[in-house]
Amino acid sequence: MDPDILVMGAFGALLGSNYLVFAGQNWHRRLWLFWTVQVLNLLAACFFVLWGAPGFRVQWPIANYLFAAMLIARSLLNGRRLQANYREALEDEAEGREQVRQSIMERLARSDEEGNKD
């Protein structure tokens, strides 16, 4: 297989895997896959900056920087999405704690009222 096609095919597969990482409802439970794709993004970006895609080294060297920038941007967007997911989980947890706290306060208030009736 031609190295140009192989490198560009791997680039396309890596971009596709960036979207597939977030597929499904429990994607945040597969963090090993998320971090693997993040590391591959950064390694591929370094590859494009240092060596470049074989078909673009001489004629279009700026394309290699574009490919690297696309991968770095995708990596940053992935990190932002993970951070938003963590923030949402913390808010849900705080909301759950507040509901438990309210129910305990209501029970205590009822028990105080029942204790005062005696």
PDB file of N, CA and C in Angstrom:
ATOM      1  N   MET A   1       0.842  -1.174   0.000  1.00  0.00           N
ATOM      2  CA  MET A   1       0.000   0.000   0.000  1.00  0.00           C
ATOM      3  C   MET A   1       0.889   1.238   0.000  1.00  0.00           C
ATOM      4  N   ASP A   2       0.441   2.240  -0.682  1.00  0.00           N
ATOM      5  CA  ASP A   2       1.167   3.493  -0.794  1.00  0.00           C
ATOM      6  C   ASP A   2       1.223   4.191   0.569  1.00  0.00           C
ATOM      7  N   PRO A   3       2.392   4.700   0.996  1.00  0.00           N
ATOM      8  CA  PRO A   3       2.486   5.364   2.309  1.00  0.00           C
ATOM      9  C   PRO A   3       1.570   6.586   2.421  1.00  0.00           C
ATOM     10  N   ASP A   4       1.353   7.297   1.310  1.00  0.00           N
ATOM     11  CA  ASP A   4       0.458   8.462   1.351  1.00  0.00           C
ATOM     12  C   ASP A   4      -0.949   8.048   1.766  1.00  0.00           C
ATOM     13  N   ILE A   5      -1.421   6.996   1.157  1.00  0.00           N
ATOM     14  CA  ILE A   5      -2.774   6.525   1.442  1.00  0.00           C
ATOM     15  C   ILE A   5      -2.851   5.973   2.857  1.00  0.00           C
ATOM     16  N   LEU A   6      -1.826   5.283   3.286  1.00  0.00           N
ATOM     17  CA  LEU A   6      -1.810   4.713   4.622  1.00  0.00           C
ATOM     18  C   LEU A   6      -1.847   5.805   5.697  1.00  0.00           C
ATOM     19  N   VAL A   7      -1.035   6.831   5.541  1.00  0.00           N
ATOM     20  CA  VAL A   7      -0.993   7.921   6.531  1.00  0.00           C
ATOM     21  C   VAL A   7      -2.314   8.677   6.539  1.00  0.00           C
ATOM     22  N   MET A   8      -2.848   8.999   5.384  1.00  0.00           N
ATOM     23  CA  MET A   8      -4.103   9.745   5.340  1.00  0.00           C
ATOM     24  C   MET A   8      -5.286   8.890   5.810  1.00  0.00           C
ATOM     25  N   GLY A   9      -5.236   7.603   5.540  1.00  0.00           N
ATOM     26  CA  GLY A   9      -6.274   6.707   6.061  1.00  0.00           C
ATOM     27  C   GLY A   9      -6.233   6.625   7.575  1.00  0.00           C
ATOM     28  N   ALA A  10      -5.031   6.551   8.132  1.00  0.00           N
ATOM     29  CA  ALA A  10      -4.885   6.536   9.592  1.00  0.00           C
ATOM     30  C   ALA A  10      -5.357   7.861  10.189  1.00  0.00           C
ATOM     31  N   PHE A  11      -5.070   8.960   9.495  1.00  0.00           N
ATOM     32  CA  PHE A  11      -5.534  10.278   9.950  1.00  0.00           C
ATOM     33  C   PHE A  11      -7.061  10.323   9.984  1.00  0.00           C
ATOM     34  N   GLY A  12      -7.688   9.840   8.921  1.00  0.00           N
ATOM     35  CA  GLY A  12      -9.155   9.805   8.881  1.00  0.00           C
ATOM     36  C   GLY A  12      -9.735   8.897   9.945  1.00  0.00           C
ATOM     37  N   ALA A  13      -9.099   7.760  10.168  1.00  0.00           N
ATOM     38  CA  ALA A  13      -9.573   6.836  11.205  1.00  0.00           C
ATOM     39  C   ALA A  13      -9.436   7.459  12.590  1.00  0.00           C
ATOM     40  N   LEU A  14      -8.365   8.198  12.810  1.00  0.00           N
ATOM     41  CA  LEU A  14      -8.174   8.857  14.101  1.00  0.00           C
ATOM     42  C   LEU A  14      -9.222   9.944  14.317  1.00  0.00           C
ATOM     43  N   LEU A  15      -9.521  10.706  13.286  1.00  0.00           N
ATOM     44  CA  LEU A  15     -10.574  11.714  13.417  1.00  0.00           C
ATOM     45  C   LEU A  15     -11.922  11.057  13.691  1.00  0.00           C
ATOM     46  N   GLY A  16     -12.184   9.949  13.028  1.00  0.00           N
ATOM     47  CA  GLY A  16     -13.429   9.232  13.272  1.00  0.00           C
ATOM     48  C   GLY A  16     -13.504   8.674  14.678  1.00  0.00           C
ATOM     49  N   SER A  17     -12.379   8.179  15.181  1.00  0.00           N
ATOM     50  CA  SER A  17     -12.375   7.624  16.539  1.00  0.00           C
ATOM     51  C   SER A  17     -12.606   8.703  17.585  1.00  0.00           C
ATOM     52  N   ASN A  18     -12.264   9.954  17.271  1.00  0.00           N
ATOM     53  CA  ASN A  18     -12.541  11.053  18.191  1.00  0.00           C
ATOM     54  C   ASN A  18     -14.038  11.213  18.409  1.00  0.00           C
ATOM     55  N   TYR A  19     -14.826  10.937  17.401  1.00  0.00           N
ATOM     56  CA  TYR A  19     -16.270  11.032  17.539  1.00  0.00           C
ATOM     57  C   TYR A  19     -16.859   9.757  18.144  1.00  0.00           C
ATOM     58  N   LEU A  20     -16.261   8.620  17.844  1.00  0.00           N
ATOM     59  CA  LEU A  20     -16.778   7.361  18.369  1.00  0.00           C
ATOM     60  C   LEU A  20     -16.519   7.184  19.861  1.00  0.00           C
ATOM     61  N   VAL A  21     -15.531   7.885  20.393  1.00  0.00           N
ATOM     62  CA  VAL A  21     -15.242   7.797  21.829  1.00  0.00           C
ATOM     63  C   VAL A  21     -16.471   8.204  22.633  1.00  0.00           C
ATOM     64  N   PHE A  22     -17.219   9.169  22.129  1.00  0.00           N
ATOM     65  CA  PHE A  22     -18.363   9.701  22.860  1.00  0.00           C
ATOM     66  C   PHE A  22     -19.668   9.000  22.502  1.00  0.00           C
ATOM     67  N   ALA A  23     -19.597   7.914  21.751  1.00  0.00           N
ATOM     68  CA  ALA A  23     -20.798   7.180  21.374  1.00  0.00           C
ATOM     69  C   ALA A  23     -21.335   6.412  22.574  1.00  0.00           C
ATOM     70  N   GLY A  24     -22.625   6.379  22.690  1.00  0.00           N
ATOM     71  CA  GLY A  24     -23.241   5.644  23.789  1.00  0.00           C
ATOM     72  C   GLY A  24     -23.446   6.525  25.005  1.00  0.00           C
ATOM     73  N   GLN A  25     -24.266   6.018  25.912  1.00  0.00           N
ATOM     74  CA  GLN A  25     -24.601   6.809  27.090  1.00  0.00           C
ATOM     75  C   GLN A  25     -23.533   6.726  28.178  1.00  0.00           C
ATOM     76  N   ASN A  26     -22.830   5.642  28.269  1.00  0.00           N
ATOM     77  CA  ASN A  26     -21.839   5.477  29.345  1.00  0.00           C
ATOM     78  C   ASN A  26     -20.416   5.649  28.830  1.00  0.00           C
ATOM     79  N   TRP A  27     -20.217   6.617  27.956  1.00  0.00           N
ATOM     80  CA  TRP A  27     -18.878   6.817  27.402  1.00  0.00           C
ATOM     81  C   TRP A  27     -17.896   7.247  28.482  1.00  0.00           C
ATOM     82  N   HIS A  28     -18.363   7.933  29.509  1.00  0.00           N
ATOM     83  CA  HIS A  28     -17.458   8.404  30.567  1.00  0.00           C
ATOM     84  C   HIS A  28     -16.956   7.263  31.440  1.00  0.00           C
ATOM     85  N   ARG A  29     -17.508   6.074  31.287  1.00  0.00           N
ATOM     86  CA  ARG A  29     -17.017   4.911  32.025  1.00  0.00           C
ATOM     87  C   ARG A  29     -15.893   4.196  31.272  1.00  0.00           C
ATOM     88  N   ARG A  30     -15.651   4.596  30.028  1.00  0.00           N
ATOM     89  CA  ARG A  30     -14.573   4.017  29.214  1.00  0.00           C
ATOM     90  C   ARG A  30     -13.446   5.039  29.060  1.00  0.00           C
ATOM     91  N   LEU A  31     -12.937   5.501  30.170  1.00  0.00           N
ATOM     92  CA  LEU A  31     -11.903   6.534  30.123  1.00  0.00           C
ATOM     93  C   LEU A  31     -10.604   6.030  29.515  1.00  0.00           C
ATOM     94  N   TRP A  32     -10.343   4.737  29.600  1.00  0.00           N
ATOM     95  CA  TRP A  32      -9.136   4.194  28.972  1.00  0.00           C
ATOM     96  C   TRP A  32      -9.172   4.453  27.468  1.00  0.00           C
ATOM     97  N   LEU A  33     -10.344   4.350  26.852  1.00  0.00           N
ATOM     98  CA  LEU A  33     -10.466   4.618  25.419  1.00  0.00           C
ATOM     99  C   LEU A  33     -10.305   6.106  25.130  1.00  0.00           C
ATOM    100  N   PHE A  34     -10.890   6.935  25.975  1.00  0.00           N
ATOM    101  CA  PHE A  34     -10.772   8.381  25.818  1.00  0.00           C
ATOM    102  C   PHE A  34      -9.314   8.816  25.864  1.00  0.00           C
ATOM    103  N   TRP A  35      -8.584   8.359  26.883  1.00  0.00           N
ATOM    104  CA  TRP A  35      -7.192   8.783  27.024  1.00  0.00           C
ATOM    105  C   TRP A  35      -6.297   8.177  25.942  1.00  0.00           C
ATOM    106  N   THR A  36      -6.629   6.993  25.458  1.00  0.00           N
ATOM    107  CA  THR A  36      -5.871   6.408  24.356  1.00  0.00           C
ATOM    108  C   THR A  36      -6.001   7.273  23.111  1.00  0.00           C
ATOM    109  N   VAL A  37      -7.216   7.704  22.822  1.00  0.00           N
ATOM    110  CA  VAL A  37      -7.432   8.557  21.642  1.00  0.00           C
ATOM    111  C   VAL A  37      -6.750   9.908  21.838  1.00  0.00           C
ATOM    112  N   GLN A  38      -6.774  10.448  23.055  1.00  0.00           N
ATOM    113  CA  GLN A  38      -6.105  11.720  23.304  1.00  0.00           C
ATOM    114  C   GLN A  38      -4.594  11.616  23.052  1.00  0.00           C
ATOM    115  N   VAL A  39      -3.995  10.544  23.531  1.00  0.00           N
ATOM    116  CA  VAL A  39      -2.553  10.347  23.330  1.00  0.00           C
ATOM    117  C   VAL A  39      -2.255  10.154  21.844  1.00  0.00           C
ATOM    118  N   LEU A  40      -3.092   9.388  21.159  1.00  0.00           N
ATOM    119  CA  LEU A  40      -2.895   9.197  19.715  1.00  0.00           C
ATOM    120  C   LEU A  40      -3.029  10.513  18.962  1.00  0.00           C
ATOM    121  N   ASN A  41      -3.949  11.369  19.389  1.00  0.00           N
ATOM    122  CA  ASN A  41      -4.081  12.691  18.764  1.00  0.00           C
ATOM    123  C   ASN A  41      -2.778  13.476  18.871  1.00  0.00           C
ATOM    124  N   LEU A  42      -2.218  13.508  20.060  1.00  0.00           N
ATOM    125  CA  LEU A  42      -0.995  14.284  20.268  1.00  0.00           C
ATOM    126  C   LEU A  42       0.207  13.664  19.540  1.00  0.00           C
ATOM    127  N   LEU A  43       0.286  12.338  19.536  1.00  0.00           N
ATOM    128  CA  LEU A  43       1.385  11.684  18.816  1.00  0.00           C
ATOM    129  C   LEU A  43       1.274  11.916  17.309  1.00  0.00           C
ATOM    130  N   ALA A  44       0.056  11.840  16.797  1.00  0.00           N
ATOM    131  CA  ALA A  44      -0.137  12.076  15.368  1.00  0.00           C
ATOM    132  C   ALA A  44       0.161  13.532  15.012  1.00  0.00           C
ATOM    133  N   ALA A  45      -0.214  14.466  15.888  1.00  0.00           N
ATOM    134  CA  ALA A  45       0.094  15.875  15.634  1.00  0.00           C
ATOM    135  C   ALA A  45       1.610  16.088  15.599  1.00  0.00           C
ATOM    136  N   CYS A  46       2.324  15.449  16.511  1.00  0.00           N
ATOM    137  CA  CYS A  46       3.797  15.539  16.504  1.00  0.00           C
ATOM    138  C   CYS A  46       4.362  14.933  15.228  1.00  0.00           C
ATOM    139  N   PHE A  47       3.788  13.826  14.784  1.00  0.00           N
ATOM    140  CA  PHE A  47       4.241  13.194  13.543  1.00  0.00           C
ATOM    141  C   PHE A  47       4.089  14.156  12.363  1.00  0.00           C
ATOM    142  N   PHE A  48       2.934  14.816  12.276  1.00  0.00           N
ATOM    143  CA  PHE A  48       2.700  15.718  11.153  1.00  0.00           C
ATOM    144  C   PHE A  48       3.617  16.936  11.205  1.00  0.00           C
ATOM    145  N   VAL A  49       3.930  17.416  12.395  1.00  0.00           N
ATOM    146  CA  VAL A  49       4.819  18.574  12.496  1.00  0.00           C
ATOM    147  C   VAL A  49       6.262  18.187  12.201  1.00  0.00           C
ATOM    148  N   LEU A  50       6.712  17.059  12.741  1.00  0.00           N
ATOM    149  CA  LEU A  50       8.113  16.676  12.588  1.00  0.00           C
ATOM    150  C   LEU A  50       8.428  16.058  11.222  1.00  0.00           C
ATOM    151  N   TRP A  51       7.588  15.106  10.785  1.00  0.00           N
ATOM    152  CA  TRP A  51       7.895  14.410   9.535  1.00  0.00           C
ATOM    153  C   TRP A  51       6.929  14.752   8.412  1.00  0.00           C
ATOM    154  N   GLY A  52       5.686  14.928   8.720  1.00  0.00           N
ATOM    155  CA  GLY A  52       4.690  15.289   7.725  1.00  0.00           C
ATOM    156  C   GLY A  52       4.189  14.085   6.946  1.00  0.00           C
ATOM    157  N   ALA A  53       3.050  14.269   6.341  1.00  0.00           N
ATOM    158  CA  ALA A  53       2.486  13.222   5.490  1.00  0.00           C
ATOM    159  C   ALA A  53       3.346  13.111   4.245  1.00  0.00           C
ATOM    160  N   PRO A  54       3.621  11.909   3.770  1.00  0.00           N
ATOM    161  CA  PRO A  54       4.537  11.732   2.642  1.00  0.00           C
ATOM    162  C   PRO A  54       4.162  12.524   1.387  1.00  0.00           C
ATOM    163  N   GLY A  55       2.909  12.658   1.091  1.00  0.00           N
ATOM    164  CA  GLY A  55       2.503  13.368  -0.112  1.00  0.00           C
ATOM    165  C   GLY A  55       2.529  14.872   0.017  1.00  0.00           C
ATOM    166  N   PHE A  56       2.681  15.388   1.219  1.00  0.00           N
ATOM    167  CA  PHE A  56       2.599  16.826   1.445  1.00  0.00           C
ATOM    168  C   PHE A  56       3.914  17.452   1.896  1.00  0.00           C
ATOM    169  N   ARG A  57       4.982  16.687   1.966  1.00  0.00           N
ATOM    170  CA  ARG A  57       6.242  17.221   2.497  1.00  0.00           C
ATOM    171  C   ARG A  57       6.821  18.335   1.624  1.00  0.00           C
ATOM    172  N   VAL A  58       6.816  18.129   0.340  1.00  0.00           N
ATOM    173  CA  VAL A  58       7.479  19.069  -0.553  1.00  0.00           C
ATOM    174  C   VAL A  58       6.505  20.081  -1.135  1.00  0.00           C
ATOM    175  N   GLN A  59       5.372  19.608  -1.640  1.00  0.00           N
ATOM    176  CA  GLN A  59       4.473  20.490  -2.381  1.00  0.00           C
ATOM    177  C   GLN A  59       3.612  21.363  -1.475  1.00  0.00           C
ATOM    178  N   TRP A  60       3.093  20.791  -0.405  1.00  0.00           N
ATOM    179  CA  TRP A  60       2.184  21.510   0.473  1.00  0.00           C
ATOM    180  C   TRP A  60       2.600  21.333   1.933  1.00  0.00           C
ATOM    181  N   PRO A  61       3.711  21.904   2.370  1.00  0.00           N
ATOM    182  CA  PRO A  61       4.142  21.689   3.762  1.00  0.00           C
ATOM    183  C   PRO A  61       3.182  22.296   4.785  1.00  0.00           C
ATOM    184  N   ILE A  62       2.434  23.329   4.393  1.00  0.00           N
ATOM    185  CA  ILE A  62       1.495  23.943   5.333  1.00  0.00           C
ATOM    186  C   ILE A  62       0.355  22.984   5.671  1.00  0.00           C
ATOM    187  N   ALA A  63       0.078  22.037   4.786  1.00  0.00           N
ATOM    188  CA  ALA A  63      -0.992  21.060   5.041  1.00  0.00           C
ATOM    189  C   ALA A  63      -0.665  20.221   6.270  1.00  0.00           C
ATOM    190  N   ASN A  64       0.599  19.918   6.477  1.00  0.00           N
ATOM    191  CA  ASN A  64       0.982  19.144   7.662  1.00  0.00           C
ATOM    192  C   ASN A  64       0.660  19.896   8.952  1.00  0.00           C
ATOM    193  N   TYR A  65       0.891  21.212   8.946  1.00  0.00           N
ATOM    194  CA  TYR A  65       0.542  22.013  10.116  1.00  0.00           C
ATOM    195  C   TYR A  65      -0.970  22.084  10.302  1.00  0.00           C
ATOM    196  N   LEU A  66      -1.696  22.094   9.203  1.00  0.00           N
ATOM    197  CA  LEU A  66      -3.150  22.085   9.276  1.00  0.00           C
ATOM    198  C   LEU A  66      -3.658  20.779   9.880  1.00  0.00           C
ATOM    199  N   PHE A  67      -3.086  19.664   9.452  1.00  0.00           N
ATOM    200  CA  PHE A  67      -3.476  18.368  10.012  1.00  0.00           C
ATOM    201  C   PHE A  67      -3.173  18.312  11.511  1.00  0.00           C
ATOM    202  N   ALA A  68      -2.009  18.808  11.895  1.00  0.00           N
ATOM    203  CA  ALA A  68      -1.639  18.824  13.313  1.00  0.00           C
ATOM    204  C   ALA A  68      -2.577  19.724  14.110  1.00  0.00           C
ATOM    205  N   ALA A  69      -2.907  20.877  13.552  1.00  0.00           N
ATOM    206  CA  ALA A  69      -3.816  21.797  14.241  1.00  0.00           C
ATOM    207  C   ALA A  69      -5.202  21.183  14.398  1.00  0.00           C
ATOM    208  N   MET A  70      -5.652  20.442  13.396  1.00  0.00           N
ATOM    209  CA  MET A  70      -6.954  19.773  13.502  1.00  0.00           C
ATOM    210  C   MET A  70      -6.959  18.763  14.643  1.00  0.00           C
ATOM    211  N   LEU A  71      -5.891  18.008  14.773  1.00  0.00           N
ATOM    212  CA  LEU A  71      -5.813  17.005  15.830  1.00  0.00           C
ATOM    213  C   LEU A  71      -5.709  17.643  17.216  1.00  0.00           C
ATOM    214  N   ILE A  72      -4.952  18.707  17.339  1.00  0.00           N
ATOM    215  CA  ILE A  72      -4.830  19.390  18.622  1.00  0.00           C
ATOM    216  C   ILE A  72      -6.156  20.033  19.011  1.00  0.00           C
ATOM    217  N   ALA A  73      -6.835  20.652  18.037  1.00  0.00           N
ATOM    218  CA  ALA A  73      -8.143  21.243  18.321  1.00  0.00           C
ATOM    219  C   ALA A  73      -9.138  20.172  18.752  1.00  0.00           C
ATOM    220  N   ARG A  74      -9.099  19.029  18.082  1.00  0.00           N
ATOM    221  CA  ARG A  74     -10.011  17.937  18.447  1.00  0.00           C
ATOM    222  C   ARG A  74      -9.705  17.439  19.852  1.00  0.00           C
ATOM    223  N   SER A  75      -8.432  17.384  20.205  1.00  0.00           N
ATOM    224  CA  SER A  75      -8.037  16.955  21.533  1.00  0.00           C
ATOM    225  C   SER A  75      -8.547  17.936  22.593  1.00  0.00           C
ATOM    226  N   LEU A  76      -8.441  19.223  22.317  1.00  0.00           N
ATOM    227  CA  LEU A  76      -8.944  20.234  23.249  1.00  0.00           C
ATOM    228  C   LEU A  76     -10.459  20.158  23.396  1.00  0.00           C
ATOM    229  N   LEU A  77     -11.155  19.937  22.297  1.00  0.00           N
ATOM    230  CA  LEU A  77     -12.611  19.808  22.358  1.00  0.00           C
ATOM    231  C   LEU A  77     -13.031  18.562  23.128  1.00  0.00           C
ATOM    232  N   ASN A  78     -12.291  17.484  22.954  1.00  0.00           N
ATOM    233  CA  ASN A  78     -12.570  16.270  23.720  1.00  0.00           C
ATOM    234  C   ASN A  78     -12.400  16.523  25.215  1.00  0.00           C
ATOM    235  N   GLY A  79     -11.331  17.223  25.577  1.00  0.00           N
ATOM    236  CA  GLY A  79     -11.096  17.547  26.982  1.00  0.00           C
ATOM    237  C   GLY A  79     -12.183  18.438  27.557  1.00  0.00           C
ATOM    238  N   ARG A  80     -12.649  19.378  26.750  1.00  0.00           N
ATOM    239  CA  ARG A  80     -13.733  20.250  27.198  1.00  0.00           C
ATOM    240  C   ARG A  80     -15.014  19.453  27.437  1.00  0.00           C
ATOM    241  N   ARG A  81     -15.265  18.496  26.571  1.00  0.00           N
ATOM    242  CA  ARG A  81     -16.468  17.677  26.728  1.00  0.00           C
ATOM    243  C   ARG A  81     -16.381  16.799  27.983  1.00  0.00           C
ATOM    244  N   LEU A  82     -15.211  16.254  28.249  1.00  0.00           N
ATOM    245  CA  LEU A  82     -15.024  15.459  29.467  1.00  0.00           C
ATOM    246  C   LEU A  82     -15.194  16.328  30.704  1.00  0.00           C
ATOM    247  N   GLN A  83     -14.643  17.520  30.679  1.00  0.00           N
ATOM    248  CA  GLN A  83     -14.756  18.428  31.809  1.00  0.00           C
ATOM    249  C   GLN A  83     -16.216  18.823  32.046  1.00  0.00           C
ATOM    250  N   ALA A  84     -16.968  19.080  30.984  1.00  0.00           N
ATOM    251  CA  ALA A  84     -18.389  19.409  31.122  1.00  0.00           C
ATOM    252  C   ALA A  84     -19.153  18.233  31.720  1.00  0.00           C
ATOM    253  N   ASN A  85     -18.775  17.020  31.337  1.00  0.00           N
ATOM    254  CA  ASN A  85     -19.434  15.840  31.888  1.00  0.00           C
ATOM    255  C   ASN A  85     -19.158  15.721  33.382  1.00  0.00           C
ATOM    256  N   TYR A  86     -17.925  15.959  33.805  1.00  0.00           N
ATOM    257  CA  TYR A  86     -17.591  15.914  35.228  1.00  0.00           C
ATOM    258  C   TYR A  86     -18.337  17.005  36.001  1.00  0.00           C
ATOM    259  N   ARG A  87     -18.404  18.189  35.422  1.00  0.00           N
ATOM    260  CA  ARG A  87     -19.101  19.286  36.081  1.00  0.00           C
ATOM    261  C   ARG A  87     -20.584  18.949  36.256  1.00  0.00           C
ATOM    262  N   GLU A  88     -21.182  18.376  35.233  1.00  0.00           N
ATOM    263  CA  GLU A  88     -22.587  17.981  35.302  1.00  0.00           C
ATOM    264  C   GLU A  88     -22.798  16.899  36.365  1.00  0.00           C
ATOM    265  N   ALA A  89     -21.876  15.953  36.446  1.00  0.00           N
ATOM    266  CA  ALA A  89     -21.985  14.898  37.456  1.00  0.00           C
ATOM    267  C   ALA A  89     -21.878  15.477  38.866  1.00  0.00           C
ATOM    268  N   LEU A  90     -20.994  16.448  39.069  1.00  0.00           N
ATOM    269  CA  LEU A  90     -20.873  17.084  40.386  1.00  0.00           C
ATOM    270  C   LEU A  90     -22.136  17.853  40.749  1.00  0.00           C
ATOM    271  N   GLU A  91     -22.736  18.522  39.770  1.00  0.00           N
ATOM    272  CA  GLU A  91     -23.973  19.249  40.027  1.00  0.00           C
ATOM    273  C   GLU A  91     -25.098  18.288  40.374  1.00  0.00           C
ATOM    274  N   ASP A  92     -25.171  17.171  39.664  1.00  0.00           N
ATOM    275  CA  ASP A  92     -26.194  16.163  39.970  1.00  0.00           C
ATOM    276  C   ASP A  92     -25.994  15.594  41.370  1.00  0.00           C
ATOM    277  N   GLU A  93     -24.742  15.370  41.738  1.00  0.00           N
ATOM    278  CA  GLU A  93     -24.441  14.847  43.071  1.00  0.00           C
ATOM    279  C   GLU A  93     -24.822  15.850  44.148  1.00  0.00           C
ATOM    280  N   ALA A  94     -24.530  17.124  43.917  1.00  0.00           N
ATOM    281  CA  ALA A  94     -24.886  18.160  44.885  1.00  0.00           C
ATOM    282  C   ALA A  94     -26.406  18.276  44.998  1.00  0.00           C
ATOM    283  N   GLU A  95     -27.089  18.164  43.875  1.00  0.00           N
ATOM    284  CA  GLU A  95     -28.550  18.220  43.893  1.00  0.00           C
ATOM    285  C   GLU A  95     -29.124  17.029  44.661  1.00  0.00           C
ATOM    286  N   GLY A  96     -28.545  15.864  44.493  1.00  0.00           N
ATOM    287  CA  GLY A  96     -28.983  14.677  45.224  1.00  0.00           C
ATOM    288  C   GLY A  96     -28.761  14.828  46.721  1.00  0.00           C
ATOM    289  N   ARG A  97     -27.619  15.392  47.087  1.00  0.00           N
ATOM    290  CA  ARG A  97     -27.347  15.633  48.508  1.00  0.00           C
ATOM    291  C   ARG A  97     -28.349  16.613  49.110  1.00  0.00           C
ATOM    292  N   GLU A  98     -28.685  17.631  48.342  1.00  0.00           N
ATOM    293  CA  GLU A  98     -29.648  18.628  48.831  1.00  0.00           C
ATOM    294  C   GLU A  98     -31.026  18.000  49.038  1.00  0.00           C
ATOM    295  N   GLN A  99     -31.425  17.105  48.148  1.00  0.00           N
ATOM    296  CA  GLN A  99     -32.707  16.415  48.310  1.00  0.00           C
ATOM    297  C   GLN A  99     -32.698  15.529  49.559  1.00  0.00           C
ATOM    298  N   VAL A 100     -31.607  14.820  49.787  1.00  0.00           N
ATOM    299  CA  VAL A 100     -31.498  13.982  50.989  1.00  0.00           C
ATOM    300  C   VAL A 100     -31.527  14.862  52.234  1.00  0.00           C
ATOM    301  N   ARG A 101     -30.836  15.980  52.196  1.00  0.00           N
ATOM    302  CA  ARG A 101     -30.807  16.899  53.336  1.00  0.00           C
ATOM    303  C   ARG A 101     -32.208  17.425  53.638  1.00  0.00           C
ATOM    304  N   GLN A 102     -32.959  17.785  52.593  1.00  0.00           N
ATOM    305  CA  GLN A 102     -34.324  18.284  52.781  1.00  0.00           C
ATOM    306  C   GLN A 102     -35.229  17.211  53.383  1.00  0.00           C
ATOM    307  N   SER A 103     -35.095  15.980  52.896  1.00  0.00           N
ATOM    308  CA  SER A 103     -35.948  14.909  53.434  1.00  0.00           C
ATOM    309  C   SER A 103     -35.612  14.631  54.900  1.00  0.00           C
ATOM    310  N   ILE A 104     -34.353  14.696  55.269  1.00  0.00           N
ATOM    311  CA  ILE A 104     -33.959  14.504  56.670  1.00  0.00           C
ATOM    312  C   ILE A 104     -34.515  15.628  57.531  1.00  0.00           C
ATOM    313  N   MET A 105     -34.429  16.863  57.038  1.00  0.00           N
ATOM    314  CA  MET A 105     -34.961  18.002  57.794  1.00  0.00           C
ATOM    315  C   MET A 105     -36.467  17.858  57.981  1.00  0.00           C
ATOM    316  N   GLU A 106     -37.173  17.405  56.957  1.00  0.00           N
ATOM    317  CA  GLU A 106     -38.624  17.214  57.077  1.00  0.00           C
ATOM    318  C   GLU A 106     -38.948  16.128  58.102  1.00  0.00           C
ATOM    319  N   ARG A 107     -38.219  15.040  58.079  1.00  0.00           N
ATOM    320  CA  ARG A 107     -38.443  13.967  59.044  1.00  0.00           C
ATOM    321  C   ARG A 107     -38.165  14.442  60.475  1.00  0.00           C
ATOM    322  N   LEU A 108     -37.102  15.194  60.642  1.00  0.00           N
ATOM    323  CA  LEU A 108     -36.791  15.727  61.976  1.00  0.00           C
ATOM    324  C   LEU A 108     -37.877  16.682  62.449  1.00  0.00           C
ATOM    325  N   ALA A 109     -38.382  17.500  61.530  1.00  0.00           N
ATOM    326  CA  ALA A 109     -39.438  18.433  61.903  1.00  0.00           C
ATOM    327  C   ALA A 109     -40.694  17.661  62.309  1.00  0.00           C
ATOM    328  N   ARG A 110     -41.018  16.607  61.567  1.00  0.00           N
ATOM    329  CA  ARG A 110     -42.197  15.791  61.914  1.00  0.00           C
ATOM    330  C   ARG A 110     -42.005  15.096  63.261  1.00  0.00           C
ATOM    331  N   SER A 111     -40.814  14.574  63.496  1.00  0.00           N
ATOM    332  CA  SER A 111     -40.574  13.890  64.784  1.00  0.00           C
ATOM    333  C   SER A 111     -40.624  14.879  65.941  1.00  0.00           C
ATOM    334  N   ASP A 112     -40.183  16.119  65.739  1.00  0.00           N
ATOM    335  CA  ASP A 112     -40.271  17.147  66.779  1.00  0.00           C
ATOM    336  C   ASP A 112     -41.721  17.485  67.069  1.00  0.00           C
ATOM    337  N   GLU A 113     -42.537  17.588  65.994  1.00  0.00           N
ATOM    338  CA  GLU A 113     -43.955  17.886  66.187  1.00  0.00           C
ATOM    339  C   GLU A 113     -44.648  16.753  66.947  1.00  0.00           C
ATOM    340  N   GLU A 114     -44.308  15.515  66.616  1.00  0.00           N
ATOM    341  CA  GLU A 114     -44.904  14.373  67.293  1.00  0.00           C
ATOM    342  C   GLU A 114     -44.430  14.308  68.750  1.00  0.00           C
ATOM    343  N   GLY A 115     -43.187  14.662  68.986  1.00  0.00           N
ATOM    344  CA  GLY A 115     -42.653  14.666  70.346  1.00  0.00           C
ATOM    345  C   GLY A 115     -43.272  15.759  71.204  1.00  0.00           C
ATOM    346  N   ASN A 116     -43.616  16.906  70.585  1.00  0.00           N
ATOM    347  CA  ASN A 116     -44.227  17.999  71.329  1.00  0.00           C
ATOM    348  C   ASN A 116     -45.680  17.708  71.652  1.00  0.00           C
ATOM    349  N   LYS A 117     -46.352  16.853  70.909  1.00  0.00           N
ATOM    350  CA  LYS A 117     -47.757  16.530  71.159  1.00  0.00           C
ATOM    351  C   LYS A 117     -47.919  15.690  72.412  1.00  0.00           C
ATOM    352  N   ASP A 118     -46.899  14.922  72.762  1.00  0.00           N
ATOM    353  CA  ASP A 118     -47.002  14.036  73.933  1.00  0.00           C
ATOM    354  C   ASP A 118     -47.024  14.797  75.167  1.00  0.00           C
TER     355      ASP A 118
END
